[in-house]
Amino acid sequence: MKPTKPANRMTRIWHAGILAAALAVVFAIVFGGDIARSAYKLASIAPGDASKALPGLKKQPVDPNAEFLNLIACMAAFHDENYPRAESYCAQAVRINPTNPGSRKMLGAVYLMESRYSDAELHFSAAIALDPADPDTYAGRGFALRGLGRFADAGAAFGSAIHLAPGDAQLWNARCWTRAAGDIALSDALADCDQAIKLVPNYASAYDSRGFTNLRLNRNAAAVKDYSAAIRLRPRFASALFGRGIARDRLRQYSAGARDRAAAHKIDPAIDALYASYGFKPAARPGPRHDGPAVKNPSSASLDWDFLNVLAAR
């Protein structure tokens, strides 16, 4: 389980520099060397500074008829986490050429960051129809469906991505967490997480997801073990700390559970509400173990920010 705030901890949905480098040759031919060099610069510009890579775009508006310029301006704004500005540029690129799957995919990514899951799903689906061989676009659609609480459909979308890229541990982890979040196919969820860890043994998010799955299954000692592994790999992992606290409460290790949950809350104050939305609350002390009712379809689901670079152009 991951925090819901993009500012907390986020890997880019679409690393701007990867696509920029791929398009730089086109820019060099169509727009000249300055734009091409600017495209390459996006690969290493820190968030908040991407506009410095495109000085010409700051001085005058982007040509509303230039598809690639609008797309690169969208990427720069996205890299700066200026999502309303990114949306305006990407939407214009789509208006210019609605058959470009890259523009559709990028606009879907922007809508994901704005929690506009229906709009994101629409554009990812359009991108899939235009390019059905891109696993990243199926993954984006999976996140959008998960945000809509359609966990079974989201799992199927991640399954399509896995079929195209079976060696990608992040895809296996995403399906594991999605199944656990929806309280569906939990044994298959464990197998997904096992595969993610097999592919990347030091993958903290996969241990966190497997801990969450074990929490669903009331395998509390196993959950503590997985969450502890995630915390060893990423000490300030709010989700793993809070989940371990819940598991320890169930094991009647109340003091240790309270310490974990307090540490998690200090890192991410929203983590309590996130777990509560999935039916997990601290057990009363003293009292019986609290397993928490399964929440099949909460109104929204957190995004796996550690996974978002799956959508990077390959």
C-alpha atoms as a PDB file:
ATOM      1  CA  MET A   1       0.000   0.000   0.000  1.00  0.00           C
ATOM      2  CA  LYS A   2       1.338   3.421  -0.896  1.00  0.00           C
ATOM      3  CA  PRO A   3       0.641   7.008   0.164  1.00  0.00           C
ATOM      4  CA  THR A   4      -1.996   8.909  -1.756  1.00  0.00           C
ATOM      5  CA  LYS A   5      -0.149  12.219  -2.075  1.00  0.00           C
ATOM      6  CA  PRO A   6       2.057  12.657  -5.163  1.00  0.00           C
ATOM      7  CA  ALA A   7       4.295  15.067  -3.274  1.00  0.00           C
ATOM      8  CA  ASN A   8       5.138  12.480  -0.635  1.00  0.00           C
ATOM      9  CA  ARG A   9       6.982   9.939  -2.692  1.00  0.00           C
ATOM     10  CA  MET A  10       6.538   9.571  -6.448  1.00  0.00           C
ATOM     11  CA  THR A  11       8.309   8.142  -9.439  1.00  0.00           C
ATOM     12  CA  ARG A  12       7.190   9.748 -12.657  1.00  0.00           C
ATOM     13  CA  ILE A  13       4.362   8.101 -14.600  1.00  0.00           C
ATOM     14  CA  TRP A  14       6.228   8.941 -17.751  1.00  0.00           C
ATOM     15  CA  HIS A  15       9.838  10.000 -17.260  1.00  0.00           C
ATOM     16  CA  ALA A  16       9.896  13.080 -19.470  1.00  0.00           C
ATOM     17  CA  GLY A  17      13.504  12.702 -20.474  1.00  0.00           C
ATOM     18  CA  ILE A  18      13.082   9.201 -21.874  1.00  0.00           C
ATOM     19  CA  LEU A  19      10.473  10.242 -24.411  1.00  0.00           C
ATOM     20  CA  ALA A  20      12.236  13.540 -24.971  1.00  0.00           C
ATOM     21  CA  ALA A  21      15.440  11.816 -25.942  1.00  0.00           C
ATOM     22  CA  ALA A  22      13.543   9.525 -28.286  1.00  0.00           C
ATOM     23  CA  LEU A  23      11.896  12.503 -30.003  1.00  0.00           C
ATOM     24  CA  ALA A  24      14.989  14.693 -30.082  1.00  0.00           C
ATOM     25  CA  VAL A  25      15.974  13.564 -33.550  1.00  0.00           C
ATOM     26  CA  VAL A  26      12.504  14.468 -34.827  1.00  0.00           C
ATOM     27  CA  PHE A  27      12.720  17.840 -33.109  1.00  0.00           C
ATOM     28  CA  ALA A  28      16.133  18.459 -34.647  1.00  0.00           C
ATOM     29  CA  ILE A  29      14.684  17.906 -38.102  1.00  0.00           C
ATOM     30  CA  VAL A  30      11.374  19.697 -37.618  1.00  0.00           C
ATOM     31  CA  PHE A  31      12.120  22.427 -35.089  1.00  0.00           C
ATOM     32  CA  GLY A  32      15.898  22.831 -35.070  1.00  0.00           C
ATOM     33  CA  GLY A  33      18.771  22.010 -32.757  1.00  0.00           C
ATOM     34  CA  ASP A  34      17.734  24.219 -29.822  1.00  0.00           C
ATOM     35  CA  ILE A  35      14.513  22.289 -29.233  1.00  0.00           C
ATOM     36  CA  ALA A  36      16.335  18.982 -29.686  1.00  0.00           C
ATOM     37  CA  ARG A  37      18.905  19.934 -27.047  1.00  0.00           C
ATOM     38  CA  SER A  38      16.098  21.102 -24.776  1.00  0.00           C
ATOM     39  CA  ALA A  39      14.421  17.711 -25.122  1.00  0.00           C
ATOM     40  CA  TYR A  40      17.560  15.938 -23.961  1.00  0.00           C
ATOM     41  CA  LYS A  41      17.882  18.312 -20.986  1.00  0.00           C
ATOM     42  CA  LEU A  42      14.541  17.148 -19.596  1.00  0.00           C
ATOM     43  CA  ALA A  43      16.149  13.843 -18.673  1.00  0.00           C
ATOM     44  CA  SER A  44      18.112  15.414 -15.818  1.00  0.00           C
ATOM     45  CA  ILE A  45      16.143  18.520 -14.806  1.00  0.00           C
ATOM     46  CA  ALA A  46      14.789  18.456 -11.254  1.00  0.00           C
ATOM     47  CA  PRO A  47      11.059  18.942 -10.618  1.00  0.00           C
ATOM     48  CA  GLY A  48      10.190  22.626 -10.664  1.00  0.00           C
ATOM     49  CA  ASP A  49      12.977  23.439 -13.113  1.00  0.00           C
ATOM     50  CA  ALA A  50      11.909  21.637 -16.280  1.00  0.00           C
ATOM     51  CA  SER A  51      10.696  24.868 -17.881  1.00  0.00           C
ATOM     52  CA  LYS A  52      14.329  26.016 -17.896  1.00  0.00           C
ATOM     53  CA  ALA A  53      14.975  23.374 -20.536  1.00  0.00           C
ATOM     54  CA  LEU A  54      12.583  25.158 -22.891  1.00  0.00           C
ATOM     55  CA  PRO A  55      13.389  28.862 -22.637  1.00  0.00           C
ATOM     56  CA  GLY A  56      11.629  29.635 -25.875  1.00  0.00           C
ATOM     57  CA  LEU A  57       8.343  28.334 -24.530  1.00  0.00           C
ATOM     58  CA  LYS A  58       8.518  30.751 -21.608  1.00  0.00           C
ATOM     59  CA  LYS A  59       8.836  33.779 -23.875  1.00  0.00           C
ATOM     60  CA  GLN A  60       5.908  33.083 -26.163  1.00  0.00           C
ATOM     61  CA  PRO A  61       2.875  30.778 -26.284  1.00  0.00           C
ATOM     62  CA  VAL A  62       3.251  27.374 -27.863  1.00  0.00           C
ATOM     63  CA  ASP A  63       2.015  27.222 -31.445  1.00  0.00           C
ATOM     64  CA  PRO A  64      -1.462  25.709 -31.041  1.00  0.00           C
ATOM     65  CA  ASN A  65      -0.980  23.782 -34.282  1.00  0.00           C
ATOM     66  CA  ALA A  66       2.385  22.210 -33.388  1.00  0.00           C
ATOM     67  CA  GLU A  67       1.637  18.759 -32.001  1.00  0.00           C
ATOM     68  CA  PHE A  68       5.165  17.904 -30.891  1.00  0.00           C
ATOM     69  CA  LEU A  69       5.756  21.289 -29.258  1.00  0.00           C
ATOM     70  CA  ASN A  70       2.563  20.922 -27.260  1.00  0.00           C
ATOM     71  CA  LEU A  71       3.556  17.422 -26.251  1.00  0.00           C
ATOM     72  CA  ILE A  72       7.041  18.446 -25.106  1.00  0.00           C
ATOM     73  CA  ALA A  73       5.554  21.429 -23.239  1.00  0.00           C
ATOM     74  CA  CYS A  74       3.132  19.004 -21.553  1.00  0.00           C
ATOM     75  CA  MET A  75       6.072  16.827 -20.543  1.00  0.00           C
ATOM     76  CA  ALA A  76       7.957  19.783 -19.102  1.00  0.00           C
ATOM     77  CA  ALA A  77       4.932  20.890 -17.059  1.00  0.00           C
ATOM     78  CA  PHE A  78       4.324  17.306 -15.929  1.00  0.00           C
ATOM     79  CA  HIS A  79       7.937  17.039 -14.820  1.00  0.00           C
ATOM     80  CA  ASP A  80       7.408  20.240 -12.817  1.00  0.00           C
ATOM     81  CA  GLU A  81       4.268  18.687 -11.270  1.00  0.00           C
ATOM     82  CA  ASN A  82       2.214  21.511 -12.780  1.00  0.00           C
ATOM     83  CA  TYR A  83      -0.606  19.211 -13.823  1.00  0.00           C
ATOM     84  CA  PRO A  84      -3.211  21.810 -14.912  1.00  0.00           C
ATOM     85  CA  ARG A  85      -0.660  23.310 -17.318  1.00  0.00           C
ATOM     86  CA  ALA A  86       0.381  19.839 -18.481  1.00  0.00           C
ATOM     87  CA  GLU A  87      -3.253  18.989 -19.094  1.00  0.00           C
ATOM     88  CA  SER A  88      -3.785  22.037 -21.303  1.00  0.00           C
ATOM     89  CA  TYR A  89      -0.786  21.228 -23.501  1.00  0.00           C
ATOM     90  CA  CYS A  90      -1.497  17.506 -23.751  1.00  0.00           C
ATOM     91  CA  ALA A  91      -5.181  18.105 -24.484  1.00  0.00           C
ATOM     92  CA  GLN A  92      -4.154  20.420 -27.314  1.00  0.00           C
ATOM     93  CA  ALA A  93      -1.774  17.777 -28.682  1.00  0.00           C
ATOM     94  CA  VAL A  94      -4.665  15.279 -28.660  1.00  0.00           C
ATOM     95  CA  ARG A  95      -6.942  17.765 -30.408  1.00  0.00           C
ATOM     96  CA  ILE A  96      -4.334  18.257 -33.126  1.00  0.00           C
ATOM     97  CA  ASN A  97      -3.830  14.529 -33.644  1.00  0.00           C
ATOM     98  CA  PRO A  98      -6.265  12.265 -31.778  1.00  0.00           C
ATOM     99  CA  THR A  99      -4.655   9.163 -33.348  1.00  0.00           C
ATOM    100  CA  ASN A 100      -1.274   9.568 -31.628  1.00  0.00           C
ATOM    101  CA  PRO A 101      -1.181   6.950 -28.833  1.00  0.00           C
ATOM    102  CA  GLY A 102       1.703   8.773 -27.126  1.00  0.00           C
ATOM    103  CA  SER A 103      -0.357  11.934 -26.636  1.00  0.00           C
ATOM    104  CA  ARG A 104      -3.327   9.927 -25.392  1.00  0.00           C
ATOM    105  CA  LYS A 105      -1.098   8.034 -22.967  1.00  0.00           C
ATOM    106  CA  MET A 106       0.490  11.220 -21.668  1.00  0.00           C
ATOM    107  CA  LEU A 107      -2.901  12.893 -21.141  1.00  0.00           C
ATOM    108  CA  GLY A 108      -4.081   9.784 -19.296  1.00  0.00           C
ATOM    109  CA  ALA A 109      -1.038  10.055 -17.046  1.00  0.00           C
ATOM    110  CA  VAL A 110      -1.860  13.686 -16.273  1.00  0.00           C
ATOM    111  CA  TYR A 111      -5.427  12.779 -15.375  1.00  0.00           C
ATOM    112  CA  LEU A 112      -4.130  10.038 -13.075  1.00  0.00           C
ATOM    113  CA  MET A 113      -2.112  12.600 -11.155  1.00  0.00           C
ATOM    114  CA  GLU A 114      -5.232  14.763 -10.856  1.00  0.00           C
ATOM    115  CA  SER A 115      -7.247  11.757  -9.574  1.00  0.00           C
ATOM    116  CA  ARG A 116      -9.562  12.088 -12.580  1.00  0.00           C
ATOM    117  CA  TYR A 117      -9.771   8.351 -12.986  1.00  0.00           C
ATOM    118  CA  SER A 118     -12.657   8.187 -15.472  1.00  0.00           C
ATOM    119  CA  ASP A 119     -10.905  10.612 -17.822  1.00  0.00           C
ATOM    120  CA  ALA A 120      -7.629   8.727 -17.389  1.00  0.00           C
ATOM    121  CA  GLU A 121      -9.287   5.399 -18.197  1.00  0.00           C
ATOM    122  CA  LEU A 122     -10.871   6.898 -21.314  1.00  0.00           C
ATOM    123  CA  HIS A 123      -7.552   8.073 -22.743  1.00  0.00           C
ATOM    124  CA  PHE A 124      -5.581   4.983 -21.771  1.00  0.00           C
ATOM    125  CA  SER A 125      -8.254   2.862 -23.468  1.00  0.00           C
ATOM    126  CA  ALA A 126      -7.982   5.019 -26.579  1.00  0.00           C
ATOM    127  CA  ALA A 127      -4.196   4.609 -26.525  1.00  0.00           C
ATOM    128  CA  ILE A 128      -4.572   0.824 -26.232  1.00  0.00           C
ATOM    129  CA  ALA A 129      -6.864   0.777 -29.271  1.00  0.00           C
ATOM    130  CA  LEU A 130      -4.225   2.713 -31.219  1.00  0.00           C
ATOM    131  CA  ASP A 131      -1.261   0.678 -29.925  1.00  0.00           C
ATOM    132  CA  PRO A 132      -2.302  -2.639 -28.343  1.00  0.00           C
ATOM    133  CA  ALA A 133       1.304  -3.795 -27.868  1.00  0.00           C
ATOM    134  CA  ASP A 134       2.343  -1.283 -25.191  1.00  0.00           C
ATOM    135  CA  PRO A 135       2.329  -2.834 -21.684  1.00  0.00           C
ATOM    136  CA  ASP A 136       2.730   0.562 -20.031  1.00  0.00           C
ATOM    137  CA  THR A 137      -0.606   1.783 -21.350  1.00  0.00           C
ATOM    138  CA  TYR A 138      -2.389  -1.287 -19.977  1.00  0.00           C
ATOM    139  CA  ALA A 139      -0.724  -0.525 -16.637  1.00  0.00           C
ATOM    140  CA  GLY A 140      -1.980   3.053 -16.757  1.00  0.00           C
ATOM    141  CA  ARG A 141      -5.491   1.792 -17.424  1.00  0.00           C
ATOM    142  CA  GLY A 142      -5.081  -0.584 -14.481  1.00  0.00           C
ATOM    143  CA  PHE A 143      -4.297   2.313 -12.162  1.00  0.00           C
ATOM    144  CA  ALA A 144      -7.274   4.275 -13.448  1.00  0.00           C
ATOM    145  CA  LEU A 145      -9.630   1.334 -12.923  1.00  0.00           C
ATOM    146  CA  ARG A 146      -8.194   0.775  -9.461  1.00  0.00           C
ATOM    147  CA  GLY A 147      -8.871   4.411  -8.643  1.00  0.00           C
ATOM    148  CA  LEU A 148     -12.494   3.810  -9.668  1.00  0.00           C
ATOM    149  CA  GLY A 149     -12.717   0.839  -7.293  1.00  0.00           C
ATOM    150  CA  ARG A 150     -12.999  -1.626 -10.200  1.00  0.00           C
ATOM    151  CA  PHE A 151     -10.422  -4.009  -8.787  1.00  0.00           C
ATOM    152  CA  ALA A 152     -11.234  -7.063 -10.900  1.00  0.00           C
ATOM    153  CA  ASP A 153     -11.029  -5.027 -14.105  1.00  0.00           C
ATOM    154  CA  ALA A 154      -7.832  -3.397 -12.886  1.00  0.00           C
ATOM    155  CA  GLY A 155      -6.316  -6.813 -12.192  1.00  0.00           C
ATOM    156  CA  ALA A 156      -7.198  -7.882 -15.735  1.00  0.00           C
ATOM    157  CA  ALA A 157      -5.532  -4.768 -17.152  1.00  0.00           C
ATOM    158  CA  PHE A 158      -2.359  -5.478 -15.186  1.00  0.00           C
ATOM    159  CA  GLY A 159      -2.600  -9.060 -16.419  1.00  0.00           C
ATOM    160  CA  SER A 160      -2.538  -7.822 -20.018  1.00  0.00           C
ATOM    161  CA  ALA A 161       0.541  -5.767 -19.197  1.00  0.00           C
ATOM    162  CA  ILE A 162       2.214  -8.784 -17.572  1.00  0.00           C
ATOM    163  CA  HIS A 163       1.495 -10.876 -20.680  1.00  0.00           C
ATOM    164  CA  LEU A 164       3.436  -8.336 -22.741  1.00  0.00           C
ATOM    165  CA  ALA A 165       6.230  -7.773 -20.194  1.00  0.00           C
ATOM    166  CA  PRO A 166       6.481 -10.815 -17.882  1.00  0.00           C
ATOM    167  CA  GLY A 167       9.897  -9.801 -16.581  1.00  0.00           C
ATOM    168  CA  ASP A 168       8.685  -6.525 -15.071  1.00  0.00           C
ATOM    169  CA  ALA A 169       8.482  -6.938 -11.291  1.00  0.00           C
ATOM    170  CA  GLN A 170       6.543  -3.714 -10.889  1.00  0.00           C
ATOM    171  CA  LEU A 171       3.662  -5.104 -12.919  1.00  0.00           C
ATOM    172  CA  TRP A 172       3.446  -8.222 -10.748  1.00  0.00           C
ATOM    173  CA  ASN A 173       3.526  -6.046  -7.624  1.00  0.00           C
ATOM    174  CA  ALA A 174       0.786  -3.786  -8.970  1.00  0.00           C
ATOM    175  CA  ARG A 175      -1.528  -6.742  -9.576  1.00  0.00           C
ATOM    176  CA  CYS A 176      -0.705  -8.194  -6.149  1.00  0.00           C
ATOM    177  CA  TRP A 177      -1.637  -4.984  -4.370  1.00  0.00           C
ATOM    178  CA  THR A 178      -4.736  -4.484  -6.528  1.00  0.00           C
ATOM    179  CA  ARG A 179      -6.064  -7.939  -5.672  1.00  0.00           C
ATOM    180  CA  ALA A 180      -5.373  -7.407  -1.987  1.00  0.00           C
ATOM    181  CA  ALA A 181      -7.017  -3.980  -2.041  1.00  0.00           C
ATOM    182  CA  GLY A 182     -10.153  -5.461  -3.577  1.00  0.00           C
ATOM    183  CA  ASP A 183     -10.008  -8.553  -1.338  1.00  0.00           C
ATOM    184  CA  ILE A 184     -10.147 -10.801  -4.400  1.00  0.00           C
ATOM    185  CA  ALA A 185      -8.066 -13.818  -5.453  1.00  0.00           C
ATOM    186  CA  LEU A 186      -5.807 -13.483  -2.415  1.00  0.00           C
ATOM    187  CA  SER A 187      -3.878 -16.681  -3.054  1.00  0.00           C
ATOM    188  CA  ASP A 188      -3.149 -15.407  -6.559  1.00  0.00           C
ATOM    189  CA  ALA A 189      -2.151 -12.068  -5.053  1.00  0.00           C
ATOM    190  CA  LEU A 190       0.451 -13.825  -2.907  1.00  0.00           C
ATOM    191  CA  ALA A 191       1.770 -15.596  -6.001  1.00  0.00           C
ATOM    192  CA  ASP A 192       2.039 -12.236  -7.790  1.00  0.00           C
ATOM    193  CA  CYS A 193       4.043 -10.736  -4.942  1.00  0.00           C
ATOM    194  CA  ASP A 194       6.235 -13.833  -4.748  1.00  0.00           C
ATOM    195  CA  GLN A 195       7.025 -13.421  -8.444  1.00  0.00           C
ATOM    196  CA  ALA A 196       7.835  -9.727  -8.003  1.00  0.00           C
ATOM    197  CA  ILE A 197      10.253 -10.562  -5.177  1.00  0.00           C
ATOM    198  CA  LYS A 198      11.760 -13.399  -7.206  1.00  0.00           C
ATOM    199  CA  LEU A 199      12.478 -10.934 -10.022  1.00  0.00           C
ATOM    200  CA  VAL A 200      13.737  -8.166  -7.695  1.00  0.00           C
ATOM    201  CA  PRO A 201      14.716  -9.601  -4.276  1.00  0.00           C
ATOM    202  CA  ASN A 202      15.217  -6.191  -2.648  1.00  0.00           C
ATOM    203  CA  TYR A 203      11.902  -4.730  -3.824  1.00  0.00           C
ATOM    204  CA  ALA A 204      10.487  -2.973  -0.752  1.00  0.00           C
ATOM    205  CA  SER A 205       7.093  -2.268  -2.289  1.00  0.00           C
ATOM    206  CA  ALA A 206       6.543  -5.941  -3.096  1.00  0.00           C
ATOM    207  CA  TYR A 207       7.200  -6.908   0.539  1.00  0.00           C
ATOM    208  CA  ASP A 208       4.761  -4.172   1.577  1.00  0.00           C
ATOM    209  CA  SER A 209       2.125  -5.517  -0.825  1.00  0.00           C
ATOM    210  CA  ARG A 210       2.668  -9.088   0.366  1.00  0.00           C
ATOM    211  CA  GLY A 211       2.370  -7.886   3.952  1.00  0.00           C
ATOM    212  CA  PHE A 212      -0.939  -6.241   3.065  1.00  0.00           C
ATOM    213  CA  THR A 213      -2.132  -9.449   1.421  1.00  0.00           C
ATOM    214  CA  ASN A 214      -1.191 -11.468   4.499  1.00  0.00           C
ATOM    215  CA  LEU A 215      -3.024  -8.906   6.611  1.00  0.00           C
ATOM    216  CA  ARG A 216      -6.137  -9.585   4.509  1.00  0.00           C
ATOM    217  CA  LEU A 217      -5.667 -13.313   5.106  1.00  0.00           C
ATOM    218  CA  ASN A 218      -5.247 -12.781   8.867  1.00  0.00           C
ATOM    219  CA  ARG A 219      -1.739 -14.274   8.623  1.00  0.00           C
ATOM    220  CA  ASN A 220      -0.473 -11.706  11.052  1.00  0.00           C
ATOM    221  CA  ALA A 221       2.935 -13.177  11.889  1.00  0.00           C
ATOM    222  CA  ALA A 222       3.681 -13.483   8.166  1.00  0.00           C
ATOM    223  CA  ALA A 223       2.490  -9.899   7.662  1.00  0.00           C
ATOM    224  CA  VAL A 224       4.867  -8.645  10.383  1.00  0.00           C
ATOM    225  CA  LYS A 225       7.732 -10.505   8.691  1.00  0.00           C
ATOM    226  CA  ASP A 226       6.981  -9.008   5.265  1.00  0.00           C
ATOM    227  CA  TYR A 227       6.407  -5.492   6.575  1.00  0.00           C
ATOM    228  CA  SER A 228       9.648  -5.700   8.555  1.00  0.00           C
ATOM    229  CA  ALA A 229      11.506  -6.691   5.380  1.00  0.00           C
ATOM    230  CA  ALA A 230      10.016  -3.672   3.589  1.00  0.00           C
ATOM    231  CA  ILE A 231      11.053  -1.374   6.444  1.00  0.00           C
ATOM    232  CA  ARG A 232      14.617  -2.725   6.452  1.00  0.00           C
ATOM    233  CA  LEU A 233      14.846  -1.827   2.786  1.00  0.00           C
ATOM    234  CA  ARG A 234      13.058   1.529   3.193  1.00  0.00           C
ATOM    235  CA  PRO A 235      13.094   2.721   6.824  1.00  0.00           C
ATOM    236  CA  ARG A 236      10.631   5.592   6.354  1.00  0.00           C
ATOM    237  CA  PHE A 237       7.977   3.455   4.663  1.00  0.00           C
ATOM    238  CA  ALA A 238       4.736   4.729   6.206  1.00  0.00           C
ATOM    239  CA  SER A 239       2.505   2.064   4.691  1.00  0.00           C
ATOM    240  CA  ALA A 240       4.692  -0.794   5.942  1.00  0.00           C
ATOM    241  CA  LEU A 241       5.014   0.744   9.407  1.00  0.00           C
ATOM    242  CA  PHE A 242       1.277   1.221   9.770  1.00  0.00           C
ATOM    243  CA  GLY A 243       0.467  -2.231   8.416  1.00  0.00           C
ATOM    244  CA  ARG A 244       2.955  -3.806  10.788  1.00  0.00           C
ATOM    245  CA  GLY A 245       1.321  -1.881  13.611  1.00  0.00           C
ATOM    246  CA  ILE A 246      -2.074  -3.362  12.712  1.00  0.00           C
ATOM    247  CA  ALA A 247      -0.588  -6.870  12.520  1.00  0.00           C
ATOM    248  CA  ARG A 248       1.113  -6.427  15.885  1.00  0.00           C
ATOM    249  CA  ASP A 249      -2.145  -5.237  17.419  1.00  0.00           C
ATOM    250  CA  ARG A 250      -3.779  -8.438  16.217  1.00  0.00           C
ATOM    251  CA  LEU A 251      -0.977 -10.419  17.828  1.00  0.00           C
ATOM    252  CA  ARG A 252      -1.638  -8.454  21.055  1.00  0.00           C
ATOM    253  CA  GLN A 253       1.720  -6.703  20.813  1.00  0.00           C
ATOM    254  CA  TYR A 254      -0.055  -3.453  21.559  1.00  0.00           C
ATOM    255  CA  SER A 255       2.880  -1.279  22.606  1.00  0.00           C
ATOM    256  CA  ALA A 256       4.941  -2.223  19.544  1.00  0.00           C
ATOM    257  CA  GLY A 257       1.898  -1.760  17.321  1.00  0.00           C
ATOM    258  CA  ALA A 258       1.224   1.698  18.709  1.00  0.00           C
ATOM    259  CA  ARG A 259       4.852   2.722  18.140  1.00  0.00           C
ATOM    260  CA  ASP A 260       4.709   1.567  14.522  1.00  0.00           C
ATOM    261  CA  ARG A 261       1.468   3.382  13.852  1.00  0.00           C
ATOM    262  CA  ALA A 262       2.704   6.592  15.487  1.00  0.00           C
ATOM    263  CA  ALA A 263       5.873   6.490  13.391  1.00  0.00           C
ATOM    264  CA  ALA A 264       3.819   5.938  10.234  1.00  0.00           C
ATOM    265  CA  HIS A 265       1.460   8.794  11.068  1.00  0.00           C
ATOM    266  CA  LYS A 266       4.407  11.136  11.628  1.00  0.00           C
ATOM    267  CA  ILE A 267       5.716  10.319   8.149  1.00  0.00           C
ATOM    268  CA  ASP A 268       2.306  10.442   6.439  1.00  0.00           C
ATOM    269  CA  PRO A 269      -0.653  11.830   8.436  1.00  0.00           C
ATOM    270  CA  ALA A 270      -3.083  10.441   5.855  1.00  0.00           C
ATOM    271  CA  ILE A 271      -2.000   6.822   6.340  1.00  0.00           C
ATOM    272  CA  ASP A 272      -4.593   6.142   9.099  1.00  0.00           C
ATOM    273  CA  ALA A 273      -7.465   7.124   6.809  1.00  0.00           C
ATOM    274  CA  LEU A 274      -6.010   5.135   3.940  1.00  0.00           C
ATOM    275  CA  TYR A 275      -5.929   1.912   5.940  1.00  0.00           C
ATOM    276  CA  ALA A 276      -9.355   2.651   7.414  1.00  0.00           C
ATOM    277  CA  SER A 277     -10.777   2.968   3.894  1.00  0.00           C
ATOM    278  CA  TYR A 278      -9.816  -0.651   3.366  1.00  0.00           C
ATOM    279  CA  GLY A 279     -11.354  -1.800   6.616  1.00  0.00           C
ATOM    280  CA  PHE A 280      -8.294  -1.837   8.879  1.00  0.00           C
ATOM    281  CA  LYS A 281      -8.296  -0.032  12.212  1.00  0.00           C
ATOM    282  CA  PRO A 282      -6.179  -0.473  15.348  1.00  0.00           C
ATOM    283  CA  ALA A 283      -7.509  -3.067  17.773  1.00  0.00           C
ATOM    284  CA  ALA A 284      -8.950  -1.870  21.060  1.00  0.00           C
ATOM    285  CA  ARG A 285      -6.661  -2.571  24.001  1.00  0.00           C
ATOM    286  CA  PRO A 286      -7.253  -4.919  25.747  1.00  0.00           C
ATOM    287  CA  GLY A 287      -9.622  -6.995  23.652  1.00  0.00           C
ATOM    288  CA  PRO A 288      -9.875  -9.621  20.965  1.00  0.00           C
ATOM    289  CA  ARG A 289      -7.905  -9.447  17.787  1.00  0.00           C
ATOM    290  CA  HIS A 290      -9.460  -7.144  15.224  1.00  0.00           C
ATOM    291  CA  ASP A 291      -9.391  -8.478  11.697  1.00  0.00           C
ATOM    292  CA  GLY A 292     -11.270  -5.646  10.072  1.00  0.00           C
ATOM    293  CA  PRO A 293     -14.057  -6.241   7.558  1.00  0.00           C
ATOM    294  CA  ALA A 294     -13.048  -6.573   3.951  1.00  0.00           C
ATOM    295  CA  VAL A 295     -13.899  -3.528   1.880  1.00  0.00           C
ATOM    296  CA  LYS A 296     -14.677  -4.779  -1.600  1.00  0.00           C
ATOM    297  CA  ASN A 297     -15.165  -1.494  -3.406  1.00  0.00           C
ATOM    298  CA  PRO A 298     -14.110   1.674  -1.602  1.00  0.00           C
ATOM    299  CA  SER A 299     -14.736   4.824  -3.566  1.00  0.00           C
ATOM    300  CA  SER A 300     -11.082   5.320  -4.390  1.00  0.00           C
ATOM    301  CA  ALA A 301      -7.764   3.525  -4.210  1.00  0.00           C
ATOM    302  CA  SER A 302      -4.302   4.825  -3.609  1.00  0.00           C
ATOM    303  CA  LEU A 303      -1.851   4.777  -6.484  1.00  0.00           C
ATOM    304  CA  ASP A 304       1.336   2.797  -6.252  1.00  0.00           C
ATOM    305  CA  TRP A 305       3.712   5.755  -6.623  1.00  0.00           C
ATOM    306  CA  ASP A 306       6.737   3.500  -6.589  1.00  0.00           C
ATOM    307  CA  PHE A 307       5.417   1.796  -9.700  1.00  0.00           C
ATOM    308  CA  LEU A 308       4.458   4.770 -11.838  1.00  0.00           C
ATOM    309  CA  ASN A 309       7.618   4.678 -13.948  1.00  0.00           C
ATOM    310  CA  VAL A 310       6.200   1.556 -15.551  1.00  0.00           C
ATOM    311  CA  LEU A 311       4.530   4.051 -17.864  1.00  0.00           C
ATOM    312  CA  ALA A 312       7.867   5.395 -19.028  1.00  0.00           C
ATOM    313  CA  ALA A 313       8.278   5.090 -22.768  1.00  0.00           C
ATOM    314  CA  ARG A 314      10.439   2.051 -23.447  1.00  0.00           C
END
